[in-house]
């Protein structure tokens, strides 16, 4: 893993082959001024699984799951955050919680929304960091790196892998590929 202060290294991502696409894993340090940083660092033993997000110019909404023996403390902690405008407990069973949280400062979601990159869900937030897996175009990935840098959001790249037609050819056995081709020819 290495820190990347500005943008993604384009030499790691093929832009010449339009059939190749990067798959990346990022570890993003959540800005301290955000509610999720405060809550996740106050409860470092809890893993928040973000199952869905919706971001706009001035609003961000996250649907997240967590398992916490102190669920009521977590709820109170989230509710007390100045940047949380709405909190709904959608479901609970034993120590499991499903929450919907709305904020007027979607600092972390804005770069993702503006570049059109969709992190694979669920993604994990734990102790002030979020882990994103992304599969997108080289251009969007590079723009995301630029947007994160512009917002002074630190991130580490765990890996960048490319896949394309060679990757797809390994998804089927030879016999399966023959059947698909035969069906296609009919």
C-alpha atoms as a PDB file:
ATOM      1  CA  UNK A   1       0.000   0.000   0.000  1.00  0.00           C
ATOM      2  CA  UNK A   2       1.293   3.485  -0.735  1.00  0.00           C
ATOM      3  CA  UNK A   3       0.021   7.000  -0.234  1.00  0.00           C
ATOM      4  CA  UNK A   4      -0.968   8.933  -3.295  1.00  0.00           C
ATOM      5  CA  UNK A   5      -1.262  12.682  -2.731  1.00  0.00           C
ATOM      6  CA  UNK A   6      -2.370  13.824  -6.178  1.00  0.00           C
ATOM      7  CA  UNK A   7      -3.740  11.498  -8.837  1.00  0.00           C
ATOM      8  CA  UNK A   8      -3.598   7.885  -9.922  1.00  0.00           C
ATOM      9  CA  UNK A   9      -0.445   6.766 -11.708  1.00  0.00           C
ATOM     10  CA  UNK A  10      -1.612   6.487 -15.288  1.00  0.00           C
ATOM     11  CA  UNK A  11       1.192   4.079 -16.165  1.00  0.00           C
ATOM     12  CA  UNK A  12      -0.584   1.480 -13.988  1.00  0.00           C
ATOM     13  CA  UNK A  13      -3.839   1.830 -15.894  1.00  0.00           C
ATOM     14  CA  UNK A  14      -4.054   0.960 -19.567  1.00  0.00           C
ATOM     15  CA  UNK A  15      -5.710   3.648 -21.638  1.00  0.00           C
ATOM     16  CA  UNK A  16      -4.754   2.237 -25.019  1.00  0.00           C
ATOM     17  CA  UNK A  17      -6.887  -0.890 -24.895  1.00  0.00           C
ATOM     18  CA  UNK A  18     -10.549   0.073 -24.714  1.00  0.00           C
ATOM     19  CA  UNK A  19     -11.438  -3.461 -23.633  1.00  0.00           C
ATOM     20  CA  UNK A  20      -9.349  -3.250 -20.474  1.00  0.00           C
ATOM     21  CA  UNK A  21     -10.730  -1.799 -17.294  1.00  0.00           C
ATOM     22  CA  UNK A  22      -9.066  -1.131 -13.927  1.00  0.00           C
ATOM     23  CA  UNK A  23     -10.302  -2.700 -10.705  1.00  0.00           C
ATOM     24  CA  UNK A  24      -8.964  -0.815  -7.710  1.00  0.00           C
ATOM     25  CA  UNK A  25      -9.060  -1.103  -3.957  1.00  0.00           C
ATOM     26  CA  UNK A  26      -8.662   2.161  -2.057  1.00  0.00           C
ATOM     27  CA  UNK A  27      -8.308   2.784   1.654  1.00  0.00           C
ATOM     28  CA  UNK A  28      -9.615   6.319   2.187  1.00  0.00           C
ATOM     29  CA  UNK A  29      -8.964   8.311   5.351  1.00  0.00           C
ATOM     30  CA  UNK A  30     -12.273   9.908   6.251  1.00  0.00           C
ATOM     31  CA  UNK A  31     -12.023  13.663   6.931  1.00  0.00           C
ATOM     32  CA  UNK A  32     -12.198  14.385  10.657  1.00  0.00           C
ATOM     33  CA  UNK A  33     -14.992  16.930  10.301  1.00  0.00           C
ATOM     34  CA  UNK A  34     -17.490  14.303   9.105  1.00  0.00           C
ATOM     35  CA  UNK A  35     -19.988  12.486  11.288  1.00  0.00           C
ATOM     36  CA  UNK A  36     -18.859   9.033  10.168  1.00  0.00           C
ATOM     37  CA  UNK A  37     -15.250   9.749  11.124  1.00  0.00           C
ATOM     38  CA  UNK A  38     -16.309  10.811  14.609  1.00  0.00           C
ATOM     39  CA  UNK A  39     -18.641   7.872  15.125  1.00  0.00           C
ATOM     40  CA  UNK A  40     -16.314   5.238  13.678  1.00  0.00           C
ATOM     41  CA  UNK A  41     -13.331   6.435  15.716  1.00  0.00           C
ATOM     42  CA  UNK A  42     -15.441   6.688  18.888  1.00  0.00           C
ATOM     43  CA  UNK A  43     -16.449   3.051  18.297  1.00  0.00           C
ATOM     44  CA  UNK A  44     -13.350   1.542  16.613  1.00  0.00           C
ATOM     45  CA  UNK A  45     -14.481  -2.021  17.248  1.00  0.00           C
ATOM     46  CA  UNK A  46     -17.627  -1.562  15.149  1.00  0.00           C
ATOM     47  CA  UNK A  47     -17.618  -2.210  11.412  1.00  0.00           C
ATOM     48  CA  UNK A  48     -20.163  -0.120   9.518  1.00  0.00           C
ATOM     49  CA  UNK A  49     -21.214  -1.746   6.245  1.00  0.00           C
ATOM     50  CA  UNK A  50     -22.532   0.909   3.870  1.00  0.00           C
ATOM     51  CA  UNK A  51     -25.065  -0.882   1.686  1.00  0.00           C
ATOM     52  CA  UNK A  52     -26.289   2.103  -0.351  1.00  0.00           C
ATOM     53  CA  UNK A  53     -25.551   5.795  -0.825  1.00  0.00           C
ATOM     54  CA  UNK A  54     -27.158   8.714  -2.573  1.00  0.00           C
ATOM     55  CA  UNK A  55     -25.353  12.017  -2.989  1.00  0.00           C
ATOM     56  CA  UNK A  56     -26.237  15.380  -4.431  1.00  0.00           C
ATOM     57  CA  UNK A  57     -24.908  18.927  -4.329  1.00  0.00           C
ATOM     58  CA  UNK A  58     -25.863  19.531  -0.699  1.00  0.00           C
ATOM     59  CA  UNK A  59     -27.130  16.230   0.679  1.00  0.00           C
ATOM     60  CA  UNK A  60     -25.788  12.758   1.242  1.00  0.00           C
ATOM     61  CA  UNK A  61     -27.786   9.763   2.396  1.00  0.00           C
ATOM     62  CA  UNK A  62     -26.281   6.472   3.533  1.00  0.00           C
ATOM     63  CA  UNK A  63     -27.948   3.201   4.398  1.00  0.00           C
ATOM     64  CA  UNK A  64     -25.691   1.277   6.736  1.00  0.00           C
ATOM     65  CA  UNK A  65     -25.626  -1.862   8.821  1.00  0.00           C
ATOM     66  CA  UNK A  66     -23.647  -2.512  11.960  1.00  0.00           C
ATOM     67  CA  UNK A  67     -23.475  -5.001  14.767  1.00  0.00           C
ATOM     68  CA  UNK A  68     -23.058  -3.322  18.130  1.00  0.00           C
ATOM     69  CA  UNK A  69     -23.800  -4.503  21.641  1.00  0.00           C
ATOM     70  CA  UNK A  70     -24.062  -0.808  22.532  1.00  0.00           C
ATOM     71  CA  UNK A  71     -26.440   0.070  19.687  1.00  0.00           C
ATOM     72  CA  UNK A  72     -28.287   2.758  21.624  1.00  0.00           C
ATOM     73  CA  UNK A  73     -24.976   4.524  22.356  1.00  0.00           C
ATOM     74  CA  UNK A  74     -24.097   4.445  18.660  1.00  0.00           C
ATOM     75  CA  UNK A  75     -27.502   5.914  17.752  1.00  0.00           C
ATOM     76  CA  UNK A  76     -27.158   8.712  20.313  1.00  0.00           C
ATOM     77  CA  UNK A  77     -23.626   9.426  19.097  1.00  0.00           C
ATOM     78  CA  UNK A  78     -24.774   9.710  15.465  1.00  0.00           C
ATOM     79  CA  UNK A  79     -27.775  11.844  16.407  1.00  0.00           C
ATOM     80  CA  UNK A  80     -25.562  14.325  18.301  1.00  0.00           C
ATOM     81  CA  UNK A  81     -23.337  15.022  15.291  1.00  0.00           C
ATOM     82  CA  UNK A  82     -23.889  18.533  13.943  1.00  0.00           C
ATOM     83  CA  UNK A  83     -23.653  17.473  10.304  1.00  0.00           C
ATOM     84  CA  UNK A  84     -26.357  14.772  10.645  1.00  0.00           C
ATOM     85  CA  UNK A  85     -29.698  16.212   9.558  1.00  0.00           C
ATOM     86  CA  UNK A  86     -31.759  13.035   9.802  1.00  0.00           C
ATOM     87  CA  UNK A  87     -31.330   9.608  11.376  1.00  0.00           C
ATOM     88  CA  UNK A  88     -33.743   6.707  11.073  1.00  0.00           C
ATOM     89  CA  UNK A  89     -33.437   3.311  12.703  1.00  0.00           C
ATOM     90  CA  UNK A  90     -34.972   1.142   9.991  1.00  0.00           C
ATOM     91  CA  UNK A  91     -34.504  -2.249  11.604  1.00  0.00           C
ATOM     92  CA  UNK A  92     -32.970  -3.863  14.641  1.00  0.00           C
ATOM     93  CA  UNK A  93     -32.587  -7.417  15.872  1.00  0.00           C
ATOM     94  CA  UNK A  94     -30.383  -8.456  18.774  1.00  0.00           C
ATOM     95  CA  UNK A  95     -27.188  -6.418  18.223  1.00  0.00           C
ATOM     96  CA  UNK A  96     -27.785  -5.707  14.525  1.00  0.00           C
ATOM     97  CA  UNK A  97     -28.866  -2.268  13.318  1.00  0.00           C
ATOM     98  CA  UNK A  98     -29.935  -0.932   9.928  1.00  0.00           C
ATOM     99  CA  UNK A  99     -29.726   2.860   9.786  1.00  0.00           C
ATOM    100  CA  UNK A 100     -30.432   5.606   7.296  1.00  0.00           C
ATOM    101  CA  UNK A 101     -28.352   8.718   7.892  1.00  0.00           C
ATOM    102  CA  UNK A 102     -28.654  12.026   6.059  1.00  0.00           C
ATOM    103  CA  UNK A 103     -26.090  14.809   6.098  1.00  0.00           C
ATOM    104  CA  UNK A 104     -25.761  18.245   4.523  1.00  0.00           C
ATOM    105  CA  UNK A 105     -22.006  17.761   4.162  1.00  0.00           C
ATOM    106  CA  UNK A 106     -21.400  14.668   2.020  1.00  0.00           C
ATOM    107  CA  UNK A 107     -17.652  15.365   1.902  1.00  0.00           C
ATOM    108  CA  UNK A 108     -16.751  11.765   1.149  1.00  0.00           C
ATOM    109  CA  UNK A 109     -19.564  11.070  -1.325  1.00  0.00           C
ATOM    110  CA  UNK A 110     -19.206  14.239  -3.405  1.00  0.00           C
ATOM    111  CA  UNK A 111     -16.004  13.225  -5.273  1.00  0.00           C
ATOM    112  CA  UNK A 112     -17.544   9.827  -6.058  1.00  0.00           C
ATOM    113  CA  UNK A 113     -20.807  11.385  -7.238  1.00  0.00           C
ATOM    114  CA  UNK A 114     -19.126  14.053  -9.375  1.00  0.00           C
ATOM    115  CA  UNK A 115     -16.901  11.559 -11.186  1.00  0.00           C
ATOM    116  CA  UNK A 116     -19.633   8.966 -11.723  1.00  0.00           C
ATOM    117  CA  UNK A 117     -17.683   6.224  -9.976  1.00  0.00           C
ATOM    118  CA  UNK A 118     -19.711   3.601  -8.134  1.00  0.00           C
ATOM    119  CA  UNK A 119     -17.955   1.905  -5.220  1.00  0.00           C
ATOM    120  CA  UNK A 120     -18.898  -1.735  -4.852  1.00  0.00           C
ATOM    121  CA  UNK A 121     -21.364  -2.169  -2.006  1.00  0.00           C
ATOM    122  CA  UNK A 122     -21.380  -2.937   0.732  1.00  0.00           C
ATOM    123  CA  UNK A 123     -18.215  -1.052   1.561  1.00  0.00           C
ATOM    124  CA  UNK A 124     -16.743  -0.970   5.022  1.00  0.00           C
ATOM    125  CA  UNK A 125     -16.134   1.963   7.352  1.00  0.00           C
ATOM    126  CA  UNK A 126     -14.035   1.263  10.408  1.00  0.00           C
ATOM    127  CA  UNK A 127     -12.034   3.467  12.752  1.00  0.00           C
ATOM    128  CA  UNK A 128     -11.871   6.524  10.488  1.00  0.00           C
ATOM    129  CA  UNK A 129     -11.224   4.708   7.213  1.00  0.00           C
ATOM    130  CA  UNK A 130     -13.384   3.495   4.366  1.00  0.00           C
ATOM    131  CA  UNK A 131     -12.419   0.674   2.019  1.00  0.00           C
ATOM    132  CA  UNK A 132     -13.688   1.083  -1.535  1.00  0.00           C
ATOM    133  CA  UNK A 133     -13.449  -1.403  -4.383  1.00  0.00           C
ATOM    134  CA  UNK A 134     -14.007   0.284  -7.731  1.00  0.00           C
ATOM    135  CA  UNK A 135     -14.328  -0.983 -11.275  1.00  0.00           C
ATOM    136  CA  UNK A 136     -14.555   1.858 -13.751  1.00  0.00           C
ATOM    137  CA  UNK A 137     -12.820   3.447 -16.701  1.00  0.00           C
ATOM    138  CA  UNK A 138      -9.279   4.747 -16.483  1.00  0.00           C
ATOM    139  CA  UNK A 139     -10.472   8.303 -17.023  1.00  0.00           C
ATOM    140  CA  UNK A 140     -13.056   8.208 -14.237  1.00  0.00           C
ATOM    141  CA  UNK A 141     -10.580   6.590 -11.871  1.00  0.00           C
ATOM    142  CA  UNK A 142      -8.037   9.297 -12.592  1.00  0.00           C
ATOM    143  CA  UNK A 143     -10.673  12.035 -12.106  1.00  0.00           C
ATOM    144  CA  UNK A 144     -11.672  10.464  -8.782  1.00  0.00           C
ATOM    145  CA  UNK A 145      -8.053  10.638  -7.630  1.00  0.00           C
ATOM    146  CA  UNK A 146      -7.935  14.297  -8.663  1.00  0.00           C
ATOM    147  CA  UNK A 147     -11.228  15.082  -6.871  1.00  0.00           C
ATOM    148  CA  UNK A 148     -10.092  13.362  -3.685  1.00  0.00           C
ATOM    149  CA  UNK A 149      -6.810  15.293  -3.818  1.00  0.00           C
ATOM    150  CA  UNK A 150      -8.667  18.572  -4.472  1.00  0.00           C
ATOM    151  CA  UNK A 151     -10.808  17.895  -1.384  1.00  0.00           C
ATOM    152  CA  UNK A 152      -7.614  17.065   0.561  1.00  0.00           C
ATOM    153  CA  UNK A 153      -8.897  13.563   1.256  1.00  0.00           C
ATOM    154  CA  UNK A 154      -5.989  11.197   1.781  1.00  0.00           C
ATOM    155  CA  UNK A 155      -6.131   7.720   0.278  1.00  0.00           C
ATOM    156  CA  UNK A 156      -3.906   4.710  -0.194  1.00  0.00           C
ATOM    157  CA  UNK A 157      -4.086   2.413  -3.171  1.00  0.00           C
ATOM    158  CA  UNK A 158      -4.049  -1.192  -2.062  1.00  0.00           C
ATOM    159  CA  UNK A 159      -4.008  -2.411  -5.654  1.00  0.00           C
ATOM    160  CA  UNK A 160      -4.855  -1.557  -9.246  1.00  0.00           C
ATOM    161  CA  UNK A 161      -5.546  -4.508 -11.513  1.00  0.00           C
ATOM    162  CA  UNK A 162      -6.728  -4.406 -15.060  1.00  0.00           C
ATOM    163  CA  UNK A 163      -8.943  -6.915 -16.708  1.00  0.00           C
ATOM    164  CA  UNK A 164     -10.539  -7.143 -20.084  1.00  0.00           C
ATOM    165  CA  UNK A 165     -11.079  -9.673 -22.800  1.00  0.00           C
ATOM    166  CA  UNK A 166      -8.340 -11.897 -21.397  1.00  0.00           C
ATOM    167  CA  UNK A 167     -10.126 -11.862 -18.010  1.00  0.00           C
ATOM    168  CA  UNK A 168     -13.475 -12.691 -19.600  1.00  0.00           C
ATOM    169  CA  UNK A 169     -11.989 -15.644 -21.452  1.00  0.00           C
ATOM    170  CA  UNK A 170     -11.175 -17.291 -18.108  1.00  0.00           C
ATOM    171  CA  UNK A 171     -14.765 -17.139 -16.872  1.00  0.00           C
ATOM    172  CA  UNK A 172     -15.944 -20.111 -18.944  1.00  0.00           C
ATOM    173  CA  UNK A 173     -14.520 -23.565 -19.399  1.00  0.00           C
ATOM    174  CA  UNK A 174     -13.651 -24.613 -22.950  1.00  0.00           C
ATOM    175  CA  UNK A 175     -16.845 -26.679 -23.134  1.00  0.00           C
ATOM    176  CA  UNK A 176     -19.009 -23.804 -21.847  1.00  0.00           C
ATOM    177  CA  UNK A 177     -17.429 -21.452 -24.379  1.00  0.00           C
ATOM    178  CA  UNK A 178     -18.195 -23.952 -27.189  1.00  0.00           C
ATOM    179  CA  UNK A 179     -21.847 -24.121 -26.099  1.00  0.00           C
ATOM    180  CA  UNK A 180     -22.172 -20.343 -25.965  1.00  0.00           C
ATOM    181  CA  UNK A 181     -20.589 -19.963 -29.410  1.00  0.00           C
ATOM    182  CA  UNK A 182     -22.828 -22.689 -30.853  1.00  0.00           C
ATOM    183  CA  UNK A 183     -25.913 -20.991 -29.425  1.00  0.00           C
ATOM    184  CA  UNK A 184     -24.769 -17.639 -30.764  1.00  0.00           C
ATOM    185  CA  UNK A 185     -24.230 -19.036 -34.271  1.00  0.00           C
ATOM    186  CA  UNK A 186     -27.780 -20.420 -34.399  1.00  0.00           C
END
